[in-house]
Amino acid sequence: MAFLNIPKGRSDFETIRREGFYYVDKTGLIGEILKSSGTQVTLITRPRRFGKTLGMSTLECFLDIQKDSQSLFDGLEISKQRNICDEWMNKWPVMSLSLKAVEGNDFSTAYMQLVYEVGELYKKHEYLMESSALNEEEKKLYWNIRYQHAGKIEVMRSLYILSEFLSRHYNKNVIILIDEYDVPMARATSNGYYKEMLEIMKGFMQALKDNSYLKLAVVTGCLKIAKESIFTGTNNFVSNTITSSRLNEYYGFVQSEVDRILEDADINGKEEIMKKWYDGYHFGDVDVYCPWDVMCYVDDLQNNPDAKPDEYWKDTSDNAIIRSFIDYAGVSITKKMETLMSGGYILQRVDENLTYDYLHSSEENLWSMMYLTGYLTQVRDCDIDEKLTDNTIALKIPNLEIKQIFETEVFRWFEDNSKKWNKKELFLAVWSGDCDKITKEVSTLLRRTISYHDYGEDFYHAFLSGIFAGAGYQVDSNKEHGEGRSDIIVCDTINGRVAIFEAKRATALDNLESECDKALKQIDERMYARDFEDAYDSEHIHCYGIAFYKKRCLVKKK
């Protein structure tokens, strides 16, 4: 196996190139953006971990007048576009800022994070303190912002102020790059200081509006939050989202790139598993893999050729959106979630112009959020049988990784909520041997869940375990008892009693009784109860066969 120096966790283009990390050439993005130089502000929205930050770093490295980057781009796609290189490479003053760290549990903390990031941006251009283009009063203002002594108005105007100073110093207009612009608004919404942060961000982003010192700007984020008026009044503004036809091959890996990575790493036989776990995103007219996942899995395979795929994305994104969806769940959402988790698709209106403070105001907003943040993807028109109405698209879960994230969140939701549900009647029925009552109570709980695995036995197994474990009972799952492995063993050691459940999944409603009989026969033939005969009286050993069909069940006792 060839060793690839995977830049895991690195998104600085210069570091990746200088230190010999493996790089998938995405520099064609530069040409695509600069060809549209008549567009003054470009907003690019993609889910997290799809290469936005590396793309911005690449742009900064290519454009920044303070750098000499030609050797870093030698042999890459952009180097073939000589006219672009001659006009733009290291010819322009660049202001590059990331807002991904601007967050906090309260407004004061988040605001100070913003002040710090602005100070760090000013630090990059501290040579302006010696510039003859600035007078003493302007240098004092610069010093105050640089060392975090400026007032709120100066902070809100800090991007505009710096663009003016740089433009005068270089006698050229300025390029502004802002990465993860919507993180402050997202965190503010989650922590209750939305209005305060919106005021700051409206002022901060004024640098993109009617700014005579601006050459162009590129802004990235997860959502296009146009309704908050952050971009209202911006000249020559263009947004590029996951539904757009441009730029999509530069955010994510296309199939040929994944094939090349596996070939370069000399990894064989992992093509299908890579595809099932990390492919499936349909952006515009392009199908892509999540690049973060691909690189993480290749890195794991280099260390262990037998490594199993993992849910790398779950550690980099806020899965609270799924949980909030489930908490919001009514009958409509529950059915749609079950359809998605069983591999199907749903038809849904999607609004790309979301506003953070109204995300949970409607079901449509929640589905839109799931789509725009990468938890769902668009189904190709050729893969659906139904005619779509205006603004309606077909959505599905893109791959196995995201499906497992859904399942994990659903199960956690069930565990948390199961503890709150009144199950006293169920437990009384279990310990008294009342099968009719058990059937009724379990069926009631089933109707309150969101099912997954297409109602497979593993879902019902987890469902039963969660009911009893959430109530504090000792639960053994698939442990060896007698001459086999029983499904669920529930022990009430304090009261000296045990319940043995063998669960079956029926393929039709009429088969519930026969499946119950099969379960009881299995308990008997494999002597699951034998291990408990010394510890419990026979009348306190309860053996149940339970059969499920979707959200119906039947319980019989041995």
Protein backbone atom coordinates (compact mmCIF):
# COMPACT_ATOMS: atom_id res chain seq x y z
CA MET A 1 0.00 0.00 0.00
CA ALA A 2 1.32 3.44 -0.94
CA PHE A 3 1.32 6.00 1.87
CA LEU A 4 -0.58 9.23 1.29
CA ASN A 5 0.14 12.11 3.65
CA ILE A 6 -3.53 12.89 4.33
CA PRO A 7 -4.14 16.50 5.47
CA LYS A 8 -6.69 15.41 8.05
CA GLY A 9 -7.98 18.41 9.94
CA ARG A 10 -5.94 20.85 7.82
CA SER A 11 -7.57 23.41 5.59
CA ASP A 12 -4.71 25.83 4.90
CA PHE A 13 -3.74 25.58 1.22
CA GLU A 14 -0.21 26.94 1.70
CA THR A 15 0.59 24.45 4.47
CA ILE A 16 -0.82 21.54 2.47
CA ARG A 17 1.29 22.41 -0.58
CA ARG A 18 4.52 23.37 1.19
CA GLU A 19 4.56 20.38 3.53
CA GLY A 20 3.75 17.79 0.88
CA PHE A 21 0.27 16.75 2.00
CA TYR A 22 -1.93 14.93 -0.48
CA TYR A 23 -4.00 17.42 -2.43
CA VAL A 24 -6.96 16.92 -4.74
CA ASP A 25 -6.73 19.74 -7.28
CA LYS A 26 -9.68 22.09 -6.84
CA THR A 27 -7.94 25.23 -8.12
CA GLY A 28 -10.32 25.40 -11.06
CA LEU A 29 -12.61 27.10 -8.54
CA ILE A 30 -10.40 30.20 -8.74
CA GLY A 31 -10.92 30.58 -12.47
CA GLU A 32 -14.66 30.00 -12.20
CA ILE A 33 -15.06 32.74 -9.60
CA LEU A 34 -12.76 35.26 -11.26
CA LYS A 35 -14.28 34.78 -14.70
CA SER A 36 -17.40 36.32 -13.19
CA SER A 37 -15.52 39.38 -11.95
CA GLY A 38 -18.55 41.51 -12.88
CA THR A 39 -20.16 39.91 -9.82
CA GLN A 40 -18.98 41.95 -6.87
CA VAL A 41 -20.21 39.65 -4.07
CA THR A 42 -20.54 35.86 -4.36
CA LEU A 43 -22.19 33.86 -1.55
CA ILE A 44 -21.39 30.13 -1.62
CA THR A 45 -23.41 27.86 0.66
CA ARG A 46 -22.58 24.20 1.22
CA PRO A 47 -22.88 21.76 4.15
CA ARG A 48 -20.04 21.58 6.64
CA ARG A 49 -16.94 19.58 5.72
CA PHE A 50 -17.38 19.98 1.97
CA GLY A 51 -14.23 22.05 1.41
CA LYS A 52 -15.43 25.64 1.85
CA THR A 53 -12.60 26.68 4.16
CA LEU A 54 -9.88 25.11 2.00
CA GLY A 55 -11.42 26.80 -1.04
CA MET A 56 -11.22 30.20 0.69
CA SER A 57 -7.64 29.56 1.76
CA THR A 58 -6.77 28.68 -1.84
CA LEU A 59 -8.32 31.92 -3.07
CA GLU A 60 -6.45 33.94 -0.45
CA CYS A 61 -3.13 32.33 -1.35
CA PHE A 62 -3.68 32.97 -5.06
CA LEU A 63 -4.82 36.59 -4.78
CA ASP A 64 -2.97 38.09 -1.81
CA ILE A 65 -0.53 40.82 -2.81
CA GLN A 66 1.58 40.04 0.26
CA LYS A 67 2.35 36.53 -0.96
CA ASP A 68 4.49 35.01 -3.71
CA SER A 69 2.50 31.87 -4.49
CA GLN A 70 3.43 30.89 -8.03
CA SER A 71 5.39 27.78 -7.00
CA LEU A 72 2.44 26.52 -4.93
CA PHE A 73 0.19 26.52 -7.99
CA ASP A 74 2.69 25.06 -10.47
CA GLY A 75 1.19 22.06 -12.23
CA LEU A 76 -2.30 22.68 -10.89
CA GLU A 77 -5.38 23.42 -13.00
CA ILE A 78 -5.34 27.19 -12.49
CA SER A 79 -1.74 27.47 -13.73
CA LYS A 80 -3.00 26.58 -17.23
CA GLN A 81 -5.17 29.70 -17.28
CA ARG A 82 -2.39 32.19 -17.97
CA ASN A 83 -4.64 35.19 -18.46
CA ILE A 84 -6.21 34.66 -15.02
CA CYS A 85 -2.80 34.20 -13.41
CA ASP A 86 -1.34 37.28 -15.06
CA GLU A 87 -4.21 39.50 -14.00
CA TRP A 88 -4.93 38.17 -10.52
CA MET A 89 -2.13 36.12 -8.95
CA ASN A 90 -0.74 38.00 -5.92
CA LYS A 91 -1.92 41.31 -7.36
CA TRP A 92 -4.58 42.40 -4.86
CA PRO A 93 -4.83 43.38 -1.18
CA VAL A 94 -6.89 40.65 0.54
CA MET A 95 -8.87 40.70 3.78
CA SER A 96 -9.55 37.09 4.85
CA LEU A 97 -11.65 36.36 7.92
CA SER A 98 -13.32 33.26 9.39
CA LEU A 99 -16.31 33.65 11.73
CA LYS A 100 -16.56 29.98 12.72
CA ALA A 101 -15.24 30.72 16.23
CA VAL A 102 -17.71 33.55 16.89
CA GLU A 103 -19.99 31.77 19.33
CA GLY A 104 -20.83 31.61 23.00
CA ASN A 105 -23.53 30.84 25.51
CA ASP A 106 -24.32 34.54 25.80
CA PHE A 107 -24.04 37.62 23.60
CA SER A 108 -21.15 39.15 25.51
CA THR A 109 -18.96 36.09 24.97
CA ALA A 110 -19.81 35.81 21.28
CA TYR A 111 -19.28 39.54 20.73
CA MET A 112 -15.83 39.38 22.34
CA GLN A 113 -14.99 36.46 20.07
CA LEU A 114 -15.85 38.67 17.10
CA VAL A 115 -13.74 41.51 18.51
CA TYR A 116 -10.83 39.09 18.86
CA GLU A 117 -11.16 37.79 15.28
CA VAL A 118 -11.26 41.34 13.93
CA GLY A 119 -8.15 42.15 15.97
CA GLU A 120 -6.37 39.15 14.42
CA LEU A 121 -7.39 40.32 10.95
CA TYR A 122 -5.92 43.76 11.66
CA LYS A 123 -2.77 42.11 12.98
CA LYS A 124 -2.14 40.63 9.50
CA HIS A 125 -1.95 44.17 8.13
CA GLU A 126 -0.11 45.86 10.99
CA TYR A 127 2.32 47.39 8.47
CA LEU A 128 -0.42 49.99 7.89
CA MET A 129 0.65 51.60 11.18
CA GLU A 130 3.75 52.79 9.28
CA SER A 131 1.91 53.71 6.10
CA SER A 132 2.04 57.28 4.82
CA ALA A 133 -1.48 56.73 3.44
CA LEU A 134 -2.92 56.99 6.99
CA ASN A 135 -2.87 60.04 9.21
CA GLU A 136 -2.25 59.93 12.95
CA GLU A 137 -5.93 59.88 13.87
CA GLU A 138 -6.53 56.96 11.51
CA LYS A 139 -3.55 55.10 12.92
CA LYS A 140 -4.99 55.56 16.42
CA LEU A 141 -8.30 54.11 15.24
CA TYR A 142 -6.40 51.22 13.65
CA TRP A 143 -4.52 50.61 16.92
CA ASN A 144 -7.76 50.59 18.96
CA ILE A 145 -9.37 48.00 16.69
CA ARG A 146 -6.19 45.92 16.47
CA TYR A 147 -5.81 45.72 20.27
CA GLN A 148 -9.54 45.27 21.01
CA HIS A 149 -10.13 48.68 22.56
CA ALA A 150 -12.61 49.94 19.96
CA GLY A 151 -16.26 50.66 20.67
CA LYS A 152 -19.18 48.76 19.18
CA ILE A 153 -19.68 51.14 16.24
CA GLU A 154 -15.99 50.92 15.26
CA VAL A 155 -16.16 47.10 15.46
CA MET A 156 -19.29 47.03 13.30
CA ARG A 157 -17.53 49.24 10.74
CA SER A 158 -14.14 47.55 11.05
CA LEU A 159 -14.26 45.69 7.71
CA TYR A 160 -15.15 48.84 5.83
CA ILE A 161 -12.46 50.83 7.65
CA LEU A 162 -9.76 48.27 6.85
CA SER A 163 -10.81 48.07 3.21
CA GLU A 164 -10.42 51.85 2.91
CA PHE A 165 -7.01 51.86 4.57
CA LEU A 166 -5.71 48.98 2.42
CA SER A 167 -7.05 50.51 -0.77
CA ARG A 168 -5.33 53.81 -0.07
CA HIS A 169 -2.08 52.11 0.89
CA TYR A 170 -1.89 49.96 -2.26
CA ASN A 171 -3.83 52.31 -4.52
CA LYS A 172 -5.95 49.31 -5.49
CA ASN A 173 -9.37 48.05 -4.57
CA VAL A 174 -9.61 45.26 -2.01
CA ILE A 175 -10.81 41.63 -2.05
CA ILE A 176 -12.78 40.47 1.00
CA LEU A 177 -13.09 36.76 1.90
CA ILE A 178 -15.44 35.81 4.76
CA ASP A 179 -15.70 32.13 5.73
CA GLU A 180 -18.58 30.64 7.78
CA TYR A 181 -20.39 33.96 7.87
CA ASP A 182 -23.59 32.46 9.33
CA VAL A 183 -22.08 30.73 12.38
CA PRO A 184 -22.64 33.77 14.67
CA MET A 185 -26.33 33.85 13.73
CA ALA A 186 -26.75 30.08 14.17
CA ARG A 187 -25.18 30.13 17.62
CA ALA A 188 -27.13 33.24 18.61
CA THR A 189 -30.38 31.51 17.71
CA SER A 190 -29.48 28.45 19.79
CA ASN A 191 -28.52 30.51 22.83
CA GLY A 192 -31.13 33.26 22.85
CA TYR A 193 -29.30 36.41 21.73
CA TYR A 194 -30.41 36.49 18.09
CA LYS A 195 -31.54 40.14 17.95
CA GLU A 196 -28.33 41.46 19.50
CA MET A 197 -26.12 39.48 17.11
CA LEU A 198 -28.24 40.40 14.08
CA GLU A 199 -27.66 44.08 14.80
CA ILE A 200 -23.90 43.54 14.92
CA MET A 201 -23.79 41.42 11.77
CA LYS A 202 -25.87 43.87 9.75
CA GLY A 203 -23.37 46.60 10.54
CA PHE A 204 -20.37 44.31 10.06
CA MET A 205 -21.45 43.22 6.58
CA GLN A 206 -21.98 46.83 5.43
CA ALA A 207 -18.48 46.52 3.99
CA LEU A 208 -20.08 44.57 1.11
CA LYS A 209 -22.60 47.29 0.25
CA ASP A 210 -21.81 50.43 -1.77
CA ASN A 211 -18.15 50.10 -0.84
CA SER A 212 -16.11 52.04 -3.40
CA TYR A 213 -12.94 50.35 -2.11
CA LEU A 214 -14.20 46.82 -2.84
CA LYS A 215 -12.95 44.86 -5.86
CA LEU A 216 -14.91 41.72 -5.07
CA ALA A 217 -15.97 39.56 -2.13
CA VAL A 218 -16.55 35.85 -1.62
CA VAL A 219 -18.61 34.72 1.37
CA THR A 220 -19.25 31.13 2.46
CA GLY A 221 -21.65 29.51 4.90
CA CYS A 222 -24.23 26.78 5.33
CA LEU A 223 -27.37 28.85 4.77
CA LYS A 224 -28.38 31.78 2.63
CA ILE A 225 -29.98 33.98 5.26
CA ALA A 226 -31.26 36.66 2.89
CA LYS A 227 -34.41 37.33 4.92
CA GLU A 228 -32.34 38.76 7.75
CA SER A 229 -31.35 41.61 5.39
CA ILE A 230 -27.64 41.00 5.92
CA PHE A 231 -27.12 41.19 2.16
CA THR A 232 -29.96 43.55 1.28
CA GLY A 233 -28.63 46.37 -0.88
CA THR A 234 -25.45 44.52 -1.86
CA ASN A 235 -24.41 45.41 -5.41
CA ASN A 236 -24.00 42.70 -8.07
CA PHE A 237 -24.79 39.95 -5.56
CA VAL A 238 -24.95 36.29 -6.67
CA SER A 239 -25.62 33.26 -4.47
CA ASN A 240 -24.41 29.78 -5.31
CA THR A 241 -26.19 27.03 -3.37
CA ILE A 242 -26.40 23.25 -3.61
CA THR A 243 -29.18 23.63 -6.19
CA SER A 244 -27.02 25.78 -8.48
CA SER A 245 -25.38 24.37 -11.60
CA ARG A 246 -21.99 26.09 -11.05
CA LEU A 247 -19.07 25.23 -8.77
CA ASN A 248 -20.44 21.95 -7.41
CA GLU A 249 -17.51 19.82 -8.60
CA TYR A 250 -15.26 22.00 -6.43
CA TYR A 251 -17.13 21.20 -3.20
CA GLY A 252 -16.95 17.46 -2.62
CA PHE A 253 -15.17 14.69 -4.50
CA VAL A 254 -16.57 13.41 -7.78
CA GLN A 255 -16.28 9.71 -8.62
CA SER A 256 -13.12 10.05 -10.73
CA GLU A 257 -11.35 11.82 -7.85
CA VAL A 258 -12.26 9.11 -5.35
CA ASP A 259 -11.08 6.45 -7.82
CA ARG A 260 -7.78 8.30 -8.16
CA ILE A 261 -7.34 8.64 -4.38
CA LEU A 262 -7.87 4.90 -3.86
CA GLU A 263 -5.49 4.12 -6.72
CA ASP A 264 -2.81 6.47 -5.37
CA ALA A 265 -3.16 4.89 -1.92
CA ASP A 266 -3.08 1.40 -3.47
CA ILE A 267 -6.31 0.53 -1.69
CA ASN A 268 -8.30 -2.20 -3.40
CA GLY A 269 -11.73 -3.67 -2.78
CA LYS A 270 -13.13 -0.67 -0.87
CA GLU A 271 -14.84 1.09 -3.78
CA GLU A 272 -18.36 -0.14 -3.03
CA ILE A 273 -18.22 0.40 0.70
CA MET A 274 -16.82 3.91 0.16
CA LYS A 275 -19.68 4.64 -2.21
CA LYS A 276 -22.42 3.29 0.07
CA TRP A 277 -21.15 5.16 3.11
CA TYR A 278 -19.96 8.52 1.79
CA ASP A 279 -21.39 9.13 -1.72
CA GLY A 280 -24.94 10.05 -2.62
CA TYR A 281 -24.97 13.85 -2.45
CA HIS A 282 -26.61 15.40 -5.50
CA PHE A 283 -25.64 19.09 -5.83
CA GLY A 284 -27.06 20.78 -8.92
CA ASP A 285 -26.12 18.45 -11.77
CA VAL A 286 -23.17 16.87 -9.94
CA ASP A 287 -22.96 13.78 -7.71
CA VAL A 288 -20.33 14.06 -4.99
CA TYR A 289 -18.83 12.31 -1.99
CA CYS A 290 -18.25 14.11 1.31
CA PRO A 291 -14.48 14.87 1.05
CA TRP A 292 -13.90 14.86 4.81
CA ASP A 293 -15.28 11.33 5.11
CA VAL A 294 -13.27 10.02 2.17
CA MET A 295 -10.01 11.39 3.52
CA CYS A 296 -10.70 10.14 7.06
CA TYR A 297 -11.51 6.62 5.86
CA VAL A 298 -8.47 6.47 3.59
CA ASP A 299 -6.33 7.59 6.52
CA ASP A 300 -7.82 4.83 8.70
CA LEU A 301 -7.28 2.23 5.96
CA GLN A 302 -3.63 3.22 5.70
CA ASN A 303 -3.21 2.45 9.39
CA ASN A 304 -5.44 -0.65 9.33
CA PRO A 305 -6.39 -2.28 5.99
CA ASP A 306 -9.36 -3.94 7.73
CA ALA A 307 -10.72 -0.69 9.19
CA LYS A 308 -14.50 -0.37 9.10
CA PRO A 309 -16.14 2.85 7.87
CA ASP A 310 -17.08 5.24 10.63
CA GLU A 311 -19.43 8.19 11.12
CA TYR A 312 -16.76 10.86 10.76
CA TRP A 313 -19.25 13.60 9.90
CA LYS A 314 -21.17 13.31 13.16
CA ASP A 315 -18.25 14.76 15.12
CA THR A 316 -18.05 17.86 12.91
CA SER A 317 -21.69 18.90 12.64
CA ASP A 318 -24.40 19.82 15.08
CA ASN A 319 -26.85 16.92 14.99
CA ALA A 320 -29.26 18.86 17.20
CA ILE A 321 -31.21 19.68 14.04
CA ILE A 322 -32.30 16.03 13.79
CA ARG A 323 -33.27 15.94 17.45
CA SER A 324 -35.27 19.15 17.14
CA PHE A 325 -37.02 17.62 14.14
CA ILE A 326 -37.99 14.55 16.12
CA ASP A 327 -39.14 16.64 19.08
CA TYR A 328 -41.29 18.61 16.65
CA ALA A 329 -42.68 15.41 15.19
CA GLY A 330 -46.34 15.16 14.44
CA VAL A 331 -48.01 12.44 12.39
CA SER A 332 -46.84 13.96 9.09
CA ILE A 333 -43.18 14.29 10.10
CA THR A 334 -43.14 10.84 11.73
CA LYS A 335 -44.35 9.15 8.55
CA LYS A 336 -41.87 11.06 6.42
CA MET A 337 -38.99 10.21 8.75
CA GLU A 338 -39.91 6.55 8.62
CA THR A 339 -40.04 6.68 4.82
CA LEU A 340 -36.59 8.26 4.67
CA MET A 341 -35.04 5.85 7.15
CA SER A 342 -36.38 2.86 5.25
CA GLY A 343 -34.57 4.07 2.11
CA GLY A 344 -37.43 5.92 0.42
CA TYR A 345 -37.86 9.53 -0.58
CA ILE A 346 -40.32 12.27 0.27
CA LEU A 347 -41.67 15.16 -1.80
CA GLN A 348 -41.12 18.48 -0.10
CA ARG A 349 -41.14 22.20 -0.73
CA VAL A 350 -37.75 23.74 0.04
CA ASP A 351 -37.02 27.38 0.83
CA GLU A 352 -33.38 28.37 0.37
CA ASN A 353 -33.93 31.82 1.88
CA LEU A 354 -34.21 30.79 5.50
CA THR A 355 -34.04 32.96 8.56
CA TYR A 356 -32.51 31.48 11.70
CA ASP A 357 -35.07 32.83 14.15
CA TYR A 358 -37.89 31.15 12.21
CA LEU A 359 -36.26 27.77 11.56
CA HIS A 360 -38.69 25.97 13.85
CA SER A 361 -41.74 27.96 12.84
CA SER A 362 -42.87 25.47 10.21
CA GLU A 363 -42.34 21.94 9.01
CA GLU A 364 -41.22 23.31 5.64
CA ASN A 365 -38.39 25.25 7.27
CA LEU A 366 -37.17 22.17 9.11
CA TRP A 367 -37.05 20.05 5.96
CA SER A 368 -35.30 22.91 4.15
CA MET A 369 -32.71 23.06 6.93
CA MET A 370 -32.11 19.30 6.74
CA TYR A 371 -31.56 19.58 3.00
CA LEU A 372 -29.32 22.64 2.99
CA THR A 373 -27.10 21.32 5.80
CA GLY A 374 -26.45 17.96 4.14
CA TYR A 375 -28.63 15.55 6.11
CA LEU A 376 -30.82 15.04 3.06
CA THR A 377 -30.07 15.30 -0.63
CA GLN A 378 -32.05 15.77 -3.80
CA VAL A 379 -33.15 12.73 -5.79
CA ARG A 380 -32.52 12.94 -9.52
CA ASP A 381 -35.70 13.54 -11.51
CA CYS A 382 -35.06 10.38 -13.52
CA ASP A 383 -35.17 8.31 -10.32
CA ILE A 384 -38.66 9.31 -9.24
CA ASP A 385 -42.01 8.23 -10.63
CA GLU A 386 -44.10 11.21 -9.57
CA LYS A 387 -44.59 14.56 -11.22
CA LEU A 388 -43.17 17.40 -9.17
CA THR A 389 -45.06 20.62 -8.61
CA ASP A 390 -43.38 24.04 -8.54
CA ASN A 391 -40.73 24.42 -5.80
CA THR A 392 -41.14 20.77 -4.78
CA ILE A 393 -38.22 18.35 -4.84
CA ALA A 394 -37.70 14.73 -3.87
CA LEU A 395 -35.45 14.27 -0.83
CA LYS A 396 -33.68 11.21 0.56
CA ILE A 397 -30.95 10.29 3.05
CA PRO A 398 -27.76 10.33 0.96
CA ASN A 399 -25.79 7.39 2.37
CA LEU A 400 -25.23 4.88 5.17
CA GLU A 401 -23.27 7.29 7.33
CA ILE A 402 -26.10 9.81 7.52
CA LYS A 403 -28.65 7.02 7.96
CA GLN A 404 -26.76 5.80 11.02
CA ILE A 405 -26.65 9.34 12.41
CA PHE A 406 -30.44 9.49 12.03
CA GLU A 407 -30.85 6.12 13.75
CA THR A 408 -28.57 7.13 16.62
CA GLU A 409 -30.52 10.34 17.21
CA VAL A 410 -33.88 8.55 16.98
CA PHE A 411 -32.79 5.92 19.50
CA ARG A 412 -31.46 8.57 21.89
CA TRP A 413 -34.76 10.40 21.59
CA PHE A 414 -36.64 7.20 22.37
CA GLU A 415 -34.42 6.46 25.38
CA ASP A 416 -34.90 9.98 26.78
CA ASN A 417 -38.64 10.09 26.18
CA SER A 418 -39.25 6.51 27.24
CA LYS A 419 -38.16 7.46 30.74
CA LYS A 420 -40.94 10.06 30.87
CA TRP A 421 -43.71 7.82 29.58
CA ASN A 422 -45.96 6.12 32.11
CA LYS A 423 -45.21 2.41 31.76
CA LYS A 424 -46.57 1.30 35.14
CA GLU A 425 -49.45 -0.64 33.54
CA LEU A 426 -47.04 -2.43 31.20
CA PHE A 427 -44.73 -3.57 33.98
CA LEU A 428 -47.65 -4.74 36.15
CA ALA A 429 -48.87 -6.80 33.18
CA VAL A 430 -45.43 -8.31 32.54
CA TRP A 431 -45.02 -9.48 36.12
CA SER A 432 -48.61 -10.76 36.36
CA GLY A 433 -48.54 -12.57 33.01
CA ASP A 434 -51.35 -10.51 31.43
CA CYS A 435 -50.62 -10.95 27.71
CA ASP A 436 -53.59 -8.91 26.51
CA LYS A 437 -52.50 -5.96 28.62
CA ILE A 438 -48.88 -6.28 27.48
CA THR A 439 -50.05 -6.33 23.86
CA LYS A 440 -52.09 -3.17 24.38
CA GLU A 441 -49.38 -1.23 26.23
CA VAL A 442 -46.54 -2.18 23.86
CA SER A 443 -48.70 -1.29 20.87
CA THR A 444 -49.38 2.12 22.41
CA LEU A 445 -45.65 2.75 22.86
CA LEU A 446 -44.94 1.59 19.32
CA ARG A 447 -47.29 4.18 17.93
CA ARG A 448 -45.32 6.87 19.76
CA THR A 449 -42.01 5.94 18.14
CA ILE A 450 -40.28 6.71 14.87
CA SER A 451 -39.41 3.37 13.35
CA TYR A 452 -36.31 2.60 11.34
CA HIS A 453 -34.52 -0.34 9.67
CA ASP A 454 -37.75 -0.88 7.72
CA TYR A 455 -39.29 -2.37 10.89
CA GLY A 456 -36.58 -5.04 11.08
CA GLU A 457 -36.08 -7.28 14.10
CA ASP A 458 -33.14 -5.13 15.22
CA PHE A 459 -35.49 -2.15 15.61
CA TYR A 460 -37.94 -4.14 17.76
CA HIS A 461 -35.06 -5.57 19.76
CA ALA A 462 -33.74 -2.07 20.54
CA PHE A 463 -37.28 -0.90 21.24
CA LEU A 464 -37.91 -3.56 23.89
CA SER A 465 -34.49 -3.07 25.47
CA GLY A 466 -35.04 0.68 25.72
CA ILE A 467 -38.42 0.29 27.45
CA PHE A 468 -37.04 -1.75 30.32
CA ALA A 469 -33.55 -0.28 30.58
CA GLY A 470 -35.07 3.20 30.79
CA ALA A 471 -37.05 2.08 33.84
CA GLY A 472 -33.95 0.85 35.65
CA TYR A 473 -34.30 -2.89 35.09
CA GLN A 474 -31.27 -5.06 34.41
CA VAL A 475 -31.54 -5.97 30.72
CA ASP A 476 -29.45 -8.60 28.91
CA SER A 477 -29.62 -8.65 25.12
CA ASN A 478 -28.59 -11.61 22.98
CA LYS A 479 -26.75 -13.28 25.85
CA GLU A 480 -26.25 -17.03 25.89
CA HIS A 481 -28.88 -18.82 27.97
CA GLY A 482 -29.54 -22.52 27.86
CA GLU A 483 -28.63 -23.76 24.38
CA GLY A 484 -28.93 -20.48 22.48
CA ARG A 485 -29.17 -16.73 22.60
CA SER A 486 -32.43 -15.23 23.81
CA ASP A 487 -33.48 -11.79 22.63
CA ILE A 488 -34.27 -9.89 25.84
CA ILE A 489 -33.87 -10.92 29.48
CA VAL A 490 -35.37 -8.51 32.03
CA CYS A 491 -34.35 -9.11 35.63
CA ASP A 492 -36.06 -7.63 38.68
CA THR A 493 -33.51 -8.82 41.24
CA ILE A 494 -35.08 -6.95 44.15
CA ASN A 495 -38.39 -8.78 43.78
CA GLY A 496 -36.86 -12.04 42.56
CA ARG A 497 -38.42 -12.31 39.08
CA VAL A 498 -37.34 -12.46 35.46
CA ALA A 499 -39.04 -11.99 32.07
CA ILE A 500 -37.70 -13.63 28.91
CA PHE A 501 -38.77 -12.18 25.58
CA GLU A 502 -38.21 -13.75 22.18
CA ALA A 503 -39.16 -11.29 19.45
CA LYS A 504 -40.20 -12.12 15.88
CA ARG A 505 -41.05 -9.94 12.93
CA ALA A 506 -44.13 -10.98 10.97
CA THR A 507 -44.31 -10.37 7.23
CA ALA A 508 -48.08 -9.86 7.37
CA LEU A 509 -50.64 -8.92 10.01
CA ASP A 510 -52.27 -12.37 9.80
CA ASN A 511 -48.96 -14.01 10.74
CA LEU A 512 -48.64 -12.45 14.19
CA GLU A 513 -50.01 -15.46 16.06
CA SER A 514 -47.92 -18.04 14.20
CA GLU A 515 -44.77 -15.97 14.80
CA CYS A 516 -45.61 -15.81 18.51
CA ASP A 517 -45.89 -19.59 18.55
CA LYS A 518 -42.50 -19.90 16.83
CA ALA A 519 -40.96 -17.64 19.46
CA LEU A 520 -42.39 -19.67 22.33
CA LYS A 521 -41.26 -22.90 20.71
CA GLN A 522 -37.72 -21.49 20.42
CA ILE A 523 -37.70 -20.52 24.10
CA ASP A 524 -38.77 -24.03 25.01
CA GLU A 525 -36.48 -25.98 22.66
CA ARG A 526 -33.40 -23.94 23.53
CA MET A 527 -34.18 -23.93 27.24
CA TYR A 528 -33.66 -20.22 27.75
CA ALA A 529 -35.24 -20.35 31.21
CA ARG A 530 -32.99 -23.07 32.56
CA ASP A 531 -30.25 -20.68 33.77
CA PHE A 532 -32.72 -18.93 36.06
CA GLU A 533 -34.33 -21.91 37.75
CA ASP A 534 -31.88 -21.94 40.67
CA ALA A 535 -32.27 -18.23 41.40
CA TYR A 536 -36.02 -17.77 40.83
CA ASP A 537 -39.14 -19.70 41.66
CA SER A 538 -40.80 -21.11 38.56
CA GLU A 539 -43.89 -18.91 38.98
CA HIS A 540 -41.60 -15.86 38.81
CA ILE A 541 -40.00 -16.85 35.49
CA HIS A 542 -42.13 -15.39 32.69
CA CYS A 543 -41.49 -16.48 29.12
CA TYR A 544 -43.07 -14.40 26.35
CA GLY A 545 -43.21 -14.75 22.62
CA ILE A 546 -43.82 -11.37 21.01
CA ALA A 547 -44.45 -10.81 17.33
CA PHE A 548 -44.41 -7.46 15.52
CA TYR A 549 -45.83 -6.23 12.27
CA LYS A 550 -45.00 -2.58 11.67
CA LYS A 551 -46.63 -0.83 14.65
CA ARG A 552 -48.78 -3.77 15.71
CA CYS A 553 -47.81 -6.53 18.08
CA LEU A 554 -49.12 -9.69 19.75
CA VAL A 555 -47.85 -11.26 22.97
CA LYS A 556 -48.30 -14.87 24.10
CA LYS A 557 -47.02 -16.60 27.22
CA LYS A 558 -45.53 -20.05 27.65
